[in-house]
Amino acid sequence: MRIIENKNFPNERDLYGEKDITLINCTFSGVEDGESALKESQDITLKNCIMNLRYPLWHDSNVLLENCEMTDKCRAALWYTEIIKIYDSKMFGIKALRECSNIYMQNVKIESPEFGWKSKNIKAVECEITSEYPFFEAKDIDLENINLTGKYSFQYTENLTINNSVFNTKDSFWHAKNVTVKDTVIKGEYLGWYSDGLTLKRCRIIGTQPFCYCKNLTLIDCEMEETDLSFEYSDVNAQIIGDIISVKNPKSGFITADGINEVILTDDSKYKCECKIEIRNK
């Protein structure tokens, strides 16, 4: 393996098609404003590198990044790349990861609108993510100890597991399929609409109008705060610890809670309510 240290690569395709190289303390920056520095490369390791130019890692295979920084000028950093490991790094450019596969990230700080679109086989541990549209149409994702700030998170995502995380995000899990969330705080409006196979265990759910138009929705020992107009037109099996502000026109299943301030069953409901609603004896 060739080792390159303390070099700057400012030009377009400076390391195009390289194989078996390690870059240490290198930079990708300059008035030349080069693009696609490592396009079509494989078996690439970057350590303590700063990437300040666009599209550096496209169509690559077997990429390792350790203690690297992608600035906000490093747009669309990893696309169409497979077998990626990222440790102790920063990813600050827009669209930092798209249509990639077999990805592992640990202790990575991400500030990237449209992060992770259409990618698959993703494992992320102890990461901080800020993204307006994270993981759109992504598949086969495992997240643990994640702090996520977003808006339209996990739309059309499939096969997703989340553990021990904190999410502050609007409209998350819309149209998502086969999602399991455990021991996580989720704060945001309109959670989980149109999802199929969404399961939450021991989660704290905060925000208005959650879980409408859901299929195969399961909540086990969850808390619901500020959750009015919940479960409209949903097929739901829910065991709730504490109170729910209001439940409106659930379609089927059962809902058990310590208290429900209001059950709203309207005459103009699209579906007849076949959901059993129970208040626990205190």
C-alpha atoms as a PDB file:
ATOM      1  CA  MET A   1       0.000   0.000   0.000  1.00  0.00           C
ATOM      2  CA  ARG A   2       1.290   3.447  -0.957  1.00  0.00           C
ATOM      3  CA  ILE A   3       1.324   6.086   1.813  1.00  0.00           C
ATOM      4  CA  ILE A   4       0.925   9.773   1.022  1.00  0.00           C
ATOM      5  CA  GLU A   5       1.442  12.316   3.808  1.00  0.00           C
ATOM      6  CA  ASN A   6       1.070  16.090   4.194  1.00  0.00           C
ATOM      7  CA  LYS A   7       0.015  16.756   0.613  1.00  0.00           C
ATOM      8  CA  ASN A   8      -2.668  19.018  -0.843  1.00  0.00           C
ATOM      9  CA  PHE A   9      -4.806  17.966  -3.807  1.00  0.00           C
ATOM     10  CA  PRO A  10      -6.513  21.002  -5.369  1.00  0.00           C
ATOM     11  CA  ASN A  11      -7.147  19.788  -8.925  1.00  0.00           C
ATOM     12  CA  GLU A  12      -9.933  17.877 -10.588  1.00  0.00           C
ATOM     13  CA  ARG A  13      -9.541  14.086 -10.345  1.00  0.00           C
ATOM     14  CA  ASP A  14      -6.164  14.418  -8.634  1.00  0.00           C
ATOM     15  CA  LEU A  15      -6.237  10.787  -7.461  1.00  0.00           C
ATOM     16  CA  TYR A  16      -8.689   9.343  -9.969  1.00  0.00           C
ATOM     17  CA  GLY A  17      -8.797   5.550 -10.044  1.00  0.00           C
ATOM     18  CA  GLU A  18      -6.171   5.058  -7.329  1.00  0.00           C
ATOM     19  CA  LYS A  19      -5.898   1.741  -5.505  1.00  0.00           C
ATOM     20  CA  ASP A  20      -4.384   0.672  -2.201  1.00  0.00           C
ATOM     21  CA  ILE A  21      -3.361   4.071  -0.857  1.00  0.00           C
ATOM     22  CA  THR A  22      -3.345   5.678   2.598  1.00  0.00           C
ATOM     23  CA  LEU A  23      -3.607   9.454   2.876  1.00  0.00           C
ATOM     24  CA  ILE A  24      -2.404  10.979   6.166  1.00  0.00           C
ATOM     25  CA  ASN A  25      -2.715  14.664   7.116  1.00  0.00           C
ATOM     26  CA  CYS A  26      -3.691  15.580   3.578  1.00  0.00           C
ATOM     27  CA  THR A  27      -6.009  18.323   2.323  1.00  0.00           C
ATOM     28  CA  PHE A  28      -8.268  18.741  -0.688  1.00  0.00           C
ATOM     29  CA  SER A  29      -8.559  22.485  -1.172  1.00  0.00           C
ATOM     30  CA  GLY A  30      -7.423  25.406  -3.331  1.00  0.00           C
ATOM     31  CA  VAL A  31      -8.381  28.054  -5.845  1.00  0.00           C
ATOM     32  CA  GLU A  32      -8.243  25.398  -8.567  1.00  0.00           C
ATOM     33  CA  ASP A  33     -11.601  24.218  -7.126  1.00  0.00           C
ATOM     34  CA  GLY A  34     -11.059  20.651  -8.302  1.00  0.00           C
ATOM     35  CA  GLU A  35     -13.766  17.999  -8.193  1.00  0.00           C
ATOM     36  CA  SER A  36     -13.921  14.217  -7.849  1.00  0.00           C
ATOM     37  CA  ALA A  37     -10.487  13.771  -6.294  1.00  0.00           C
ATOM     38  CA  LEU A  38     -10.800  10.031  -5.557  1.00  0.00           C
ATOM     39  CA  LYS A  39     -13.460   8.986  -8.044  1.00  0.00           C
ATOM     40  CA  GLU A  40     -13.452   5.341  -9.205  1.00  0.00           C
ATOM     41  CA  SER A  41     -10.904   4.339  -6.555  1.00  0.00           C
ATOM     42  CA  GLN A  42     -10.719   1.363  -4.213  1.00  0.00           C
ATOM     43  CA  ASP A  43      -9.041   0.327  -0.969  1.00  0.00           C
ATOM     44  CA  ILE A  44      -8.599   3.918   0.187  1.00  0.00           C
ATOM     45  CA  THR A  45      -7.731   5.026   3.748  1.00  0.00           C
ATOM     46  CA  LEU A  46      -7.862   8.673   4.843  1.00  0.00           C
ATOM     47  CA  LYS A  47      -6.560   9.717   8.266  1.00  0.00           C
ATOM     48  CA  ASN A  48      -6.609  13.248   9.669  1.00  0.00           C
ATOM     49  CA  CYS A  49      -7.593  14.673   6.303  1.00  0.00           C
ATOM     50  CA  ILE A  50      -9.614  17.794   5.424  1.00  0.00           C
ATOM     51  CA  MET A  51     -11.835  17.707   2.353  1.00  0.00           C
ATOM     52  CA  ASN A  52     -12.933  21.120   1.108  1.00  0.00           C
ATOM     53  CA  LEU A  53     -13.881  20.325  -2.505  1.00  0.00           C
ATOM     54  CA  ARG A  54     -16.888  18.698  -4.179  1.00  0.00           C
ATOM     55  CA  TYR A  55     -17.620  15.034  -4.966  1.00  0.00           C
ATOM     56  CA  PRO A  56     -14.421  13.467  -3.577  1.00  0.00           C
ATOM     57  CA  LEU A  57     -15.576   9.859  -3.164  1.00  0.00           C
ATOM     58  CA  TRP A  58     -17.838   8.705  -5.986  1.00  0.00           C
ATOM     59  CA  HIS A  59     -18.042   5.161  -7.372  1.00  0.00           C
ATOM     60  CA  ASP A  60     -15.483   3.881  -4.876  1.00  0.00           C
ATOM     61  CA  SER A  61     -15.105   0.621  -2.992  1.00  0.00           C
ATOM     62  CA  ASN A  62     -13.646  -0.089   0.459  1.00  0.00           C
ATOM     63  CA  VAL A  63     -13.147   3.374   1.936  1.00  0.00           C
ATOM     64  CA  LEU A  64     -11.954   4.071   5.502  1.00  0.00           C
ATOM     65  CA  LEU A  65     -12.053   7.558   7.039  1.00  0.00           C
ATOM     66  CA  GLU A  66     -10.603   8.258  10.490  1.00  0.00           C
ATOM     67  CA  ASN A  67     -10.628  11.677  12.138  1.00  0.00           C
ATOM     68  CA  CYS A  68     -11.448  13.422   8.890  1.00  0.00           C
ATOM     69  CA  GLU A  69     -13.418  16.599   8.228  1.00  0.00           C
ATOM     70  CA  MET A  70     -15.615  17.312   5.237  1.00  0.00           C
ATOM     71  CA  THR A  71     -16.387  21.035   5.269  1.00  0.00           C
ATOM     72  CA  ASP A  72     -19.611  22.655   4.093  1.00  0.00           C
ATOM     73  CA  LYS A  73     -17.915  23.134   0.710  1.00  0.00           C
ATOM     74  CA  CYS A  74     -17.433  19.378   0.385  1.00  0.00           C
ATOM     75  CA  ARG A  75     -20.765  18.793  -1.329  1.00  0.00           C
ATOM     76  CA  ALA A  76     -22.101  15.348  -2.190  1.00  0.00           C
ATOM     77  CA  ALA A  77     -19.050  13.666  -0.700  1.00  0.00           C
ATOM     78  CA  LEU A  78     -19.918   9.962  -0.949  1.00  0.00           C
ATOM     79  CA  TRP A  79     -22.159   8.767  -3.769  1.00  0.00           C
ATOM     80  CA  TYR A  80     -22.454   5.329  -5.393  1.00  0.00           C
ATOM     81  CA  THR A  81     -19.781   3.974  -3.058  1.00  0.00           C
ATOM     82  CA  GLU A  82     -19.750   0.640  -1.216  1.00  0.00           C
ATOM     83  CA  ILE A  83     -18.022  -0.695   1.886  1.00  0.00           C
ATOM     84  CA  ILE A  84     -17.511   2.482   3.889  1.00  0.00           C
ATOM     85  CA  LYS A  85     -16.217   2.900   7.445  1.00  0.00           C
ATOM     86  CA  ILE A  86     -16.177   6.323   9.078  1.00  0.00           C
ATOM     87  CA  TYR A  87     -14.823   6.991  12.592  1.00  0.00           C
ATOM     88  CA  ASP A  88     -14.465  10.160  14.685  1.00  0.00           C
ATOM     89  CA  SER A  89     -15.164  12.456  11.755  1.00  0.00           C
ATOM     90  CA  LYS A  90     -17.253  15.440  10.630  1.00  0.00           C
ATOM     91  CA  MET A  91     -19.472  15.524   7.555  1.00  0.00           C
ATOM     92  CA  PHE A  92     -20.746  19.049   6.928  1.00  0.00           C
ATOM     93  CA  GLY A  93     -21.493  19.204   3.205  1.00  0.00           C
ATOM     94  CA  ILE A  94     -24.949  18.959   1.660  1.00  0.00           C
ATOM     95  CA  LYS A  95     -26.001  15.495   0.440  1.00  0.00           C
ATOM     96  CA  ALA A  96     -23.005  13.903   2.110  1.00  0.00           C
ATOM     97  CA  LEU A  97     -24.078  10.286   1.557  1.00  0.00           C
ATOM     98  CA  ARG A  98     -26.324   9.014  -1.221  1.00  0.00           C
ATOM     99  CA  GLU A  99     -26.963   5.692  -2.969  1.00  0.00           C
ATOM    100  CA  CYS A 100     -24.179   4.009  -1.009  1.00  0.00           C
ATOM    101  CA  SER A 101     -24.141   0.580   0.637  1.00  0.00           C
ATOM    102  CA  ASN A 102     -22.487  -1.332   3.481  1.00  0.00           C
ATOM    103  CA  ILE A 103     -21.764   1.661   5.689  1.00  0.00           C
ATOM    104  CA  TYR A 104     -20.500   1.785   9.278  1.00  0.00           C
ATOM    105  CA  MET A 105     -20.246   5.080  11.188  1.00  0.00           C
ATOM    106  CA  GLN A 106     -19.144   5.678  14.764  1.00  0.00           C
ATOM    107  CA  ASN A 107     -18.778   8.981  16.601  1.00  0.00           C
ATOM    108  CA  VAL A 108     -19.506  11.006  13.487  1.00  0.00           C
ATOM    109  CA  LYS A 109     -20.969  14.520  13.546  1.00  0.00           C
ATOM    110  CA  ILE A 110     -23.159  15.126  10.531  1.00  0.00           C
ATOM    111  CA  GLU A 111     -24.645  18.427   9.366  1.00  0.00           C
ATOM    112  CA  SER A 112     -25.985  17.615   5.931  1.00  0.00           C
ATOM    113  CA  PRO A 113     -29.411  18.281   4.385  1.00  0.00           C
ATOM    114  CA  GLU A 114     -30.672  15.250   2.453  1.00  0.00           C
ATOM    115  CA  PHE A 115     -28.291  12.874   4.227  1.00  0.00           C
ATOM    116  CA  GLY A 116     -28.263   9.159   3.441  1.00  0.00           C
ATOM    117  CA  TRP A 117     -30.778   9.143   0.601  1.00  0.00           C
ATOM    118  CA  LYS A 118     -31.413   5.769  -1.059  1.00  0.00           C
ATOM    119  CA  SER A 119     -28.547   4.102   0.784  1.00  0.00           C
ATOM    120  CA  LYS A 120     -28.672   0.621   2.289  1.00  0.00           C
ATOM    121  CA  ASN A 121     -27.028  -1.577   4.898  1.00  0.00           C
ATOM    122  CA  ILE A 122     -26.185   1.232   7.304  1.00  0.00           C
ATOM    123  CA  LYS A 123     -24.969   0.878  10.890  1.00  0.00           C
ATOM    124  CA  ALA A 124     -24.450   4.071  12.905  1.00  0.00           C
ATOM    125  CA  VAL A 125     -23.384   4.256  16.565  1.00  0.00           C
ATOM    126  CA  GLU A 126     -22.933   7.310  18.810  1.00  0.00           C
ATOM    127  CA  CYS A 127     -23.498   9.810  16.028  1.00  0.00           C
ATOM    128  CA  GLU A 128     -24.971  13.310  15.992  1.00  0.00           C
ATOM    129  CA  ILE A 129     -27.043  14.057  12.909  1.00  0.00           C
ATOM    130  CA  THR A 130     -28.587  17.333  11.781  1.00  0.00           C
ATOM    131  CA  SER A 131     -30.445  16.953   8.507  1.00  0.00           C
ATOM    132  CA  GLU A 132     -33.655  18.247   6.973  1.00  0.00           C
ATOM    133  CA  TYR A 133     -34.426  15.056   5.029  1.00  0.00           C
ATOM    134  CA  PRO A 134     -32.295  12.251   6.496  1.00  0.00           C
ATOM    135  CA  PHE A 135     -32.419   8.683   5.178  1.00  0.00           C
ATOM    136  CA  PHE A 136     -35.061   9.210   2.474  1.00  0.00           C
ATOM    137  CA  GLU A 137     -35.832   5.837   0.840  1.00  0.00           C
ATOM    138  CA  ALA A 138     -32.951   4.178   2.679  1.00  0.00           C
ATOM    139  CA  LYS A 139     -33.092   0.477   3.602  1.00  0.00           C
ATOM    140  CA  ASP A 140     -31.654  -1.921   6.165  1.00  0.00           C
ATOM    141  CA  ILE A 141     -30.544   0.571   8.807  1.00  0.00           C
ATOM    142  CA  ASP A 142     -29.426   0.005  12.405  1.00  0.00           C
ATOM    143  CA  LEU A 143     -29.018   3.109  14.598  1.00  0.00           C
ATOM    144  CA  GLU A 144     -27.825   3.142  18.217  1.00  0.00           C
ATOM    145  CA  ASN A 145     -27.201   6.077  20.561  1.00  0.00           C
ATOM    146  CA  ILE A 146     -28.076   8.644  17.893  1.00  0.00           C
ATOM    147  CA  ASN A 147     -28.948  12.286  18.520  1.00  0.00           C
ATOM    148  CA  LEU A 148     -30.967  13.410  15.508  1.00  0.00           C
ATOM    149  CA  THR A 149     -32.294  16.867  14.707  1.00  0.00           C
ATOM    150  CA  GLY A 150     -34.325  16.912  11.511  1.00  0.00           C
ATOM    151  CA  LYS A 151     -37.624  17.631   9.826  1.00  0.00           C
ATOM    152  CA  TYR A 152     -38.801  14.959   7.401  1.00  0.00           C
ATOM    153  CA  SER A 153     -36.835  12.020   8.733  1.00  0.00           C
ATOM    154  CA  PHE A 154     -36.945   8.416   7.489  1.00  0.00           C
ATOM    155  CA  GLN A 155     -39.578   8.951   4.795  1.00  0.00           C
ATOM    156  CA  TYR A 156     -40.172   5.776   2.783  1.00  0.00           C
ATOM    157  CA  THR A 157     -37.489   3.989   4.819  1.00  0.00           C
ATOM    158  CA  GLU A 158     -37.616   0.175   5.035  1.00  0.00           C
ATOM    159  CA  ASN A 159     -36.153  -2.241   7.586  1.00  0.00           C
ATOM    160  CA  LEU A 160     -35.007   0.174  10.273  1.00  0.00           C
ATOM    161  CA  THR A 161     -34.055  -0.451  13.909  1.00  0.00           C
ATOM    162  CA  ILE A 162     -33.324   2.300  16.428  1.00  0.00           C
ATOM    163  CA  ASN A 163     -32.110   1.953  20.028  1.00  0.00           C
ATOM    164  CA  ASN A 164     -31.375   4.371  22.883  1.00  0.00           C
ATOM    165  CA  SER A 165     -31.615   7.546  20.829  1.00  0.00           C
ATOM    166  CA  VAL A 166     -33.070  11.055  20.974  1.00  0.00           C
ATOM    167  CA  PHE A 167     -34.917  12.500  17.980  1.00  0.00           C
ATOM    168  CA  ASN A 168     -36.246  16.038  17.552  1.00  0.00           C
ATOM    169  CA  THR A 169     -37.851  15.785  14.154  1.00  0.00           C
ATOM    170  CA  LYS A 170     -41.066  16.678  12.365  1.00  0.00           C
ATOM    171  CA  ASP A 171     -43.018  14.227  10.191  1.00  0.00           C
ATOM    172  CA  SER A 172     -40.731  11.274  10.839  1.00  0.00           C
ATOM    173  CA  PHE A 173     -41.364   7.727   9.552  1.00  0.00           C
ATOM    174  CA  TRP A 174     -43.938   8.737   6.921  1.00  0.00           C
ATOM    175  CA  HIS A 175     -44.645   5.771   4.624  1.00  0.00           C
ATOM    176  CA  ALA A 176     -41.905   3.818   6.438  1.00  0.00           C
ATOM    177  CA  LYS A 177     -42.110   0.017   6.518  1.00  0.00           C
ATOM    178  CA  ASN A 178     -40.845  -2.498   9.061  1.00  0.00           C
ATOM    179  CA  VAL A 179     -39.455  -0.104  11.691  1.00  0.00           C
ATOM    180  CA  THR A 180     -38.636  -0.990  15.321  1.00  0.00           C
ATOM    181  CA  VAL A 181     -37.731   1.741  17.815  1.00  0.00           C
ATOM    182  CA  LYS A 182     -36.700   0.970  21.412  1.00  0.00           C
ATOM    183  CA  ASP A 183     -35.898   3.133  24.453  1.00  0.00           C
ATOM    184  CA  THR A 184     -35.930   6.337  22.418  1.00  0.00           C
ATOM    185  CA  VAL A 185     -37.315   9.853  22.851  1.00  0.00           C
ATOM    186  CA  ILE A 186     -39.127  11.121  19.746  1.00  0.00           C
ATOM    187  CA  LYS A 187     -40.304  14.728  19.714  1.00  0.00           C
ATOM    188  CA  GLY A 188     -42.138  16.057  16.683  1.00  0.00           C
ATOM    189  CA  GLU A 189     -45.447  16.618  14.968  1.00  0.00           C
ATOM    190  CA  TYR A 190     -47.394  14.087  12.883  1.00  0.00           C
ATOM    191  CA  LEU A 191     -45.275  11.076  13.761  1.00  0.00           C
ATOM    192  CA  GLY A 192     -45.493   7.932  11.678  1.00  0.00           C
ATOM    193  CA  TRP A 193     -48.315   8.756   9.265  1.00  0.00           C
ATOM    194  CA  TYR A 194     -48.957   6.146   6.552  1.00  0.00           C
ATOM    195  CA  SER A 195     -46.394   3.753   8.055  1.00  0.00           C
ATOM    196  CA  ASP A 196     -46.733  -0.022   7.879  1.00  0.00           C
ATOM    197  CA  GLY A 197     -45.171  -2.217  10.556  1.00  0.00           C
ATOM    198  CA  LEU A 198     -44.017   0.522  12.942  1.00  0.00           C
ATOM    199  CA  THR A 199     -43.237  -0.847  16.431  1.00  0.00           C
ATOM    200  CA  LEU A 200     -42.182   1.290  19.404  1.00  0.00           C
ATOM    201  CA  LYS A 201     -41.097  -0.167  22.752  1.00  0.00           C
ATOM    202  CA  ARG A 202     -40.499   1.854  25.930  1.00  0.00           C
ATOM    203  CA  CYS A 203     -40.381   5.087  23.955  1.00  0.00           C
ATOM    204  CA  ARG A 204     -41.347   8.604  24.985  1.00  0.00           C
ATOM    205  CA  ILE A 205     -43.428  10.233  22.256  1.00  0.00           C
ATOM    206  CA  ILE A 206     -44.004  13.992  22.300  1.00  0.00           C
ATOM    207  CA  GLY A 207     -46.085  16.031  19.841  1.00  0.00           C
ATOM    208  CA  THR A 208     -49.421  16.604  18.193  1.00  0.00           C
ATOM    209  CA  GLN A 209     -51.397  14.211  15.957  1.00  0.00           C
ATOM    210  CA  PRO A 210     -49.211  11.113  15.973  1.00  0.00           C
ATOM    211  CA  PHE A 211     -49.835   7.795  14.223  1.00  0.00           C
ATOM    212  CA  CYS A 212     -52.547   8.530  11.674  1.00  0.00           C
ATOM    213  CA  TYR A 213     -53.334   6.252   8.714  1.00  0.00           C
ATOM    214  CA  CYS A 214     -50.998   3.568  10.094  1.00  0.00           C
ATOM    215  CA  LYS A 215     -51.111  -0.149   9.385  1.00  0.00           C
ATOM    216  CA  ASN A 216     -49.767  -2.767  11.818  1.00  0.00           C
ATOM    217  CA  LEU A 217     -48.868  -0.148  14.430  1.00  0.00           C
ATOM    218  CA  THR A 218     -47.637  -1.449  17.801  1.00  0.00           C
ATOM    219  CA  LEU A 219     -46.748   0.538  20.927  1.00  0.00           C
ATOM    220  CA  ILE A 220     -45.494  -1.337  24.004  1.00  0.00           C
ATOM    221  CA  ASP A 221     -45.045   0.457  27.341  1.00  0.00           C
ATOM    222  CA  CYS A 222     -44.660   3.856  25.699  1.00  0.00           C
ATOM    223  CA  GLU A 223     -45.382   7.315  27.111  1.00  0.00           C
ATOM    224  CA  MET A 224     -47.297   9.899  25.084  1.00  0.00           C
ATOM    225  CA  GLU A 225     -47.009  13.609  25.905  1.00  0.00           C
ATOM    226  CA  GLU A 226     -48.812  16.480  24.170  1.00  0.00           C
ATOM    227  CA  THR A 227     -50.371  13.869  21.889  1.00  0.00           C
ATOM    228  CA  ASP A 228     -53.795  15.067  20.835  1.00  0.00           C
ATOM    229  CA  LEU A 229     -55.858  13.650  17.929  1.00  0.00           C
ATOM    230  CA  SER A 230     -53.899  10.412  18.045  1.00  0.00           C
ATOM    231  CA  PHE A 231     -54.365   7.244  15.950  1.00  0.00           C
ATOM    232  CA  GLU A 232     -56.859   8.575  13.378  1.00  0.00           C
ATOM    233  CA  TYR A 233     -57.762   5.837  10.858  1.00  0.00           C
ATOM    234  CA  SER A 234     -55.025   3.538  12.167  1.00  0.00           C
ATOM    235  CA  ASP A 235     -54.850  -0.194  12.844  1.00  0.00           C
ATOM    236  CA  VAL A 236     -53.216  -0.042  16.260  1.00  0.00           C
ATOM    237  CA  ASN A 237     -52.241  -2.173  19.246  1.00  0.00           C
ATOM    238  CA  ALA A 238     -51.048   0.200  21.953  1.00  0.00           C
ATOM    239  CA  GLN A 239     -50.173  -0.162  25.636  1.00  0.00           C
ATOM    240  CA  ILE A 240     -49.537   3.333  26.959  1.00  0.00           C
ATOM    241  CA  ILE A 241     -48.045   4.301  30.314  1.00  0.00           C
ATOM    242  CA  GLY A 242     -49.655   7.519  31.516  1.00  0.00           C
ATOM    243  CA  ASP A 243     -52.280   9.642  29.761  1.00  0.00           C
ATOM    244  CA  ILE A 244     -53.121  10.572  26.188  1.00  0.00           C
ATOM    245  CA  ILE A 245     -54.688  13.986  25.516  1.00  0.00           C
ATOM    246  CA  SER A 246     -57.081  12.673  22.859  1.00  0.00           C
ATOM    247  CA  VAL A 247     -57.740   9.738  20.557  1.00  0.00           C
ATOM    248  CA  LYS A 248     -59.651  10.356  17.330  1.00  0.00           C
ATOM    249  CA  ASN A 249     -61.405   7.806  15.095  1.00  0.00           C
ATOM    250  CA  PRO A 250     -59.015   4.854  15.411  1.00  0.00           C
ATOM    251  CA  LYS A 251     -59.837   2.204  12.835  1.00  0.00           C
ATOM    252  CA  SER A 252     -59.154  -1.117  14.587  1.00  0.00           C
ATOM    253  CA  GLY A 253     -57.171  -2.922  17.306  1.00  0.00           C
ATOM    254  CA  PHE A 254     -56.935  -1.849  20.938  1.00  0.00           C
ATOM    255  CA  ILE A 255     -55.621   1.067  22.964  1.00  0.00           C
ATOM    256  CA  THR A 256     -54.916   0.755  26.681  1.00  0.00           C
ATOM    257  CA  ALA A 257     -53.757   3.727  28.760  1.00  0.00           C
ATOM    258  CA  ASP A 258     -53.813   5.026  32.321  1.00  0.00           C
ATOM    259  CA  GLY A 259     -55.969   7.876  31.099  1.00  0.00           C
ATOM    260  CA  ILE A 260     -57.408   9.405  27.932  1.00  0.00           C
ATOM    261  CA  ASN A 261     -58.704  12.922  28.330  1.00  0.00           C
ATOM    262  CA  GLU A 262     -60.979  12.701  25.282  1.00  0.00           C
ATOM    263  CA  VAL A 263     -62.101  10.032  22.830  1.00  0.00           C
ATOM    264  CA  ILE A 264     -63.388  11.631  19.621  1.00  0.00           C
ATOM    265  CA  LEU A 265     -65.617   9.465  17.413  1.00  0.00           C
ATOM    266  CA  THR A 266     -67.156  11.613  14.693  1.00  0.00           C
ATOM    267  CA  ASP A 267     -70.230  10.863  12.573  1.00  0.00           C
ATOM    268  CA  ASP A 268     -68.351  11.716   9.395  1.00  0.00           C
ATOM    269  CA  SER A 269     -65.518   9.260  10.052  1.00  0.00           C
ATOM    270  CA  LYS A 270     -64.435   7.375   6.949  1.00  0.00           C
ATOM    271  CA  TYR A 271     -64.302   4.098   8.892  1.00  0.00           C
ATOM    272  CA  LYS A 272     -66.429   2.597  11.596  1.00  0.00           C
ATOM    273  CA  CYS A 273     -64.399   2.430  14.798  1.00  0.00           C
ATOM    274  CA  GLU A 274     -63.631  -1.197  15.595  1.00  0.00           C
ATOM    275  CA  CYS A 275     -60.891  -0.339  18.082  1.00  0.00           C
ATOM    276  CA  LYS A 276     -61.296  -1.350  21.726  1.00  0.00           C
ATOM    277  CA  ILE A 277     -60.273   1.488  24.065  1.00  0.00           C
ATOM    278  CA  GLU A 278     -59.567   0.753  27.729  1.00  0.00           C
ATOM    279  CA  ILE A 279     -58.603   2.848  30.736  1.00  0.00           C
ATOM    280  CA  ARG A 280     -56.638   0.965  33.382  1.00  0.00           C
ATOM    281  CA  ASN A 281     -58.005   0.731  36.863  1.00  0.00           C
ATOM    282  CA  LYS A 282     -55.828   2.787  39.198  1.00  0.00           C
END
